[in-house]
Amino acid sequence: MWRSIPTSKYLDTCSNTTSTFQVVLYESTHVIDVFIQNKTTCDNDPLNYANYATVGIQNVAATTTYTAPGKHAAQFTANNEGIRFHLPDCQIM
């Protein structure tokens, strides 16, 4: 589990915002769960790149990607949310 990860280490305006999340890999069933305890944004500025995030997975060659609906290069917050990626056809639940 990653706890209190800074939103951005490069922007002073984001120094007090953090997120906590966990990724669980189930090797025998090809399932990947992403649990977000909390995910915040710095502010409501759509021009602030630190507000944007992606929840997803990609293959080792970075030629195939799967992202959660509404969470691809998007500005969002989340609390106690779970997202499941089920491979090989990658159904997102």
Protein backbone atom coordinates (compact mmCIF):
# COMPACT_ATOMS: atom_id res chain seq x y z
CA MET A 1 0.00 0.00 0.00
CA TRP A 2 1.23 3.47 -0.86
CA ARG A 3 0.25 5.94 1.86
CA SER A 4 0.24 9.72 1.71
CA ILE A 5 1.92 9.96 -1.69
CA PRO A 6 2.39 13.64 -2.60
CA THR A 7 0.25 14.81 -5.51
CA SER A 8 3.28 16.50 -7.04
CA LYS A 9 6.76 16.92 -5.67
CA TYR A 10 7.50 19.66 -8.18
CA LEU A 11 4.79 22.19 -7.34
CA ASP A 12 4.73 24.11 -4.08
CA THR A 13 0.98 24.63 -4.46
CA CYS A 14 0.46 20.86 -4.12
CA SER A 15 2.77 20.21 -1.19
CA ASN A 16 -0.07 19.48 1.25
CA THR A 17 -2.15 17.15 -0.94
CA THR A 18 -1.61 13.39 -0.84
CA SER A 19 -3.22 10.17 -2.06
CA THR A 20 -3.33 6.64 -0.63
CA PHE A 21 -3.86 3.56 -2.80
CA GLN A 22 -3.03 -0.13 -3.21
CA VAL A 23 -2.56 -2.45 -6.19
CA VAL A 24 -3.25 -6.17 -5.75
CA LEU A 25 -2.05 -8.69 -8.35
CA TYR A 26 -3.73 -12.11 -8.59
CA GLU A 27 -1.28 -14.03 -10.75
CA SER A 28 -3.27 -17.26 -11.06
CA THR A 29 -6.51 -15.53 -12.16
CA HIS A 30 -5.07 -12.65 -14.22
CA VAL A 31 -6.91 -10.07 -12.13
CA ILE A 32 -5.50 -6.72 -11.01
CA ASP A 33 -7.36 -4.73 -8.36
CA VAL A 34 -6.66 -1.06 -7.72
CA PHE A 35 -8.00 0.24 -4.40
CA ILE A 36 -8.03 3.99 -3.88
CA GLN A 37 -8.48 5.02 -0.27
CA ASN A 38 -8.26 8.70 -1.18
CA LYS A 39 -7.13 10.63 -4.25
CA THR A 40 -7.18 14.41 -4.18
CA THR A 41 -6.35 17.24 -6.54
CA CYS A 42 -4.29 20.34 -5.84
CA ASP A 43 -6.93 22.84 -6.87
CA ASN A 44 -9.67 23.25 -9.46
CA ASP A 45 -7.40 24.77 -12.11
CA PRO A 46 -7.82 22.83 -15.38
CA LEU A 47 -4.44 24.17 -16.55
CA ASN A 48 -2.57 22.69 -13.56
CA TYR A 49 -1.15 19.39 -14.84
CA ALA A 50 -0.72 18.12 -11.26
CA ASN A 51 -4.53 17.80 -11.04
CA TYR A 52 -4.59 15.10 -13.74
CA ALA A 53 -4.11 11.39 -13.15
CA THR A 54 -4.64 8.02 -14.83
CA VAL A 55 -5.70 4.69 -13.35
CA GLY A 56 -4.76 1.93 -15.74
CA ILE A 57 -2.42 -0.81 -16.86
CA GLN A 58 -0.23 -1.38 -19.91
CA ASN A 59 1.78 -4.21 -21.39
CA VAL A 60 5.57 -4.29 -21.10
CA ALA A 61 6.03 -2.84 -24.60
CA ALA A 62 3.57 -0.01 -23.83
CA THR A 63 1.65 -0.86 -27.01
CA THR A 64 -1.59 -1.91 -25.30
CA THR A 65 -3.23 0.03 -22.49
CA TYR A 66 -6.43 -0.20 -20.47
CA THR A 67 -7.74 2.65 -18.33
CA ALA A 68 -10.64 2.94 -15.94
CA PRO A 69 -13.63 4.90 -17.28
CA GLY A 70 -13.31 8.59 -16.41
CA LYS A 71 -9.78 8.10 -15.10
CA HIS A 72 -7.54 8.56 -18.15
CA ALA A 73 -5.57 11.81 -18.02
CA ALA A 74 -8.51 13.18 -16.04
CA GLN A 75 -9.07 15.52 -13.15
CA PHE A 76 -10.90 13.49 -10.48
CA THR A 77 -11.09 12.72 -6.79
CA ALA A 78 -11.86 9.32 -5.28
CA ASN A 79 -12.58 7.89 -1.85
CA ASN A 80 -12.76 4.19 -0.94
CA GLU A 81 -13.04 3.11 -4.55
CA GLY A 82 -12.04 -0.17 -6.18
CA ILE A 83 -11.34 -0.88 -9.84
CA ARG A 84 -10.76 -4.37 -11.25
CA PHE A 85 -8.91 -5.20 -14.45
CA HIS A 86 -9.56 -8.77 -15.61
CA LEU A 87 -7.15 -10.06 -18.25
CA PRO A 88 -6.62 -11.34 -20.94
CA ASP A 89 -9.53 -9.48 -22.56
CA CYS A 90 -9.36 -6.84 -19.82
CA GLN A 91 -12.88 -6.40 -18.62
CA ILE A 92 -12.91 -3.38 -16.32
CA MET A 93 -15.27 -3.70 -13.36
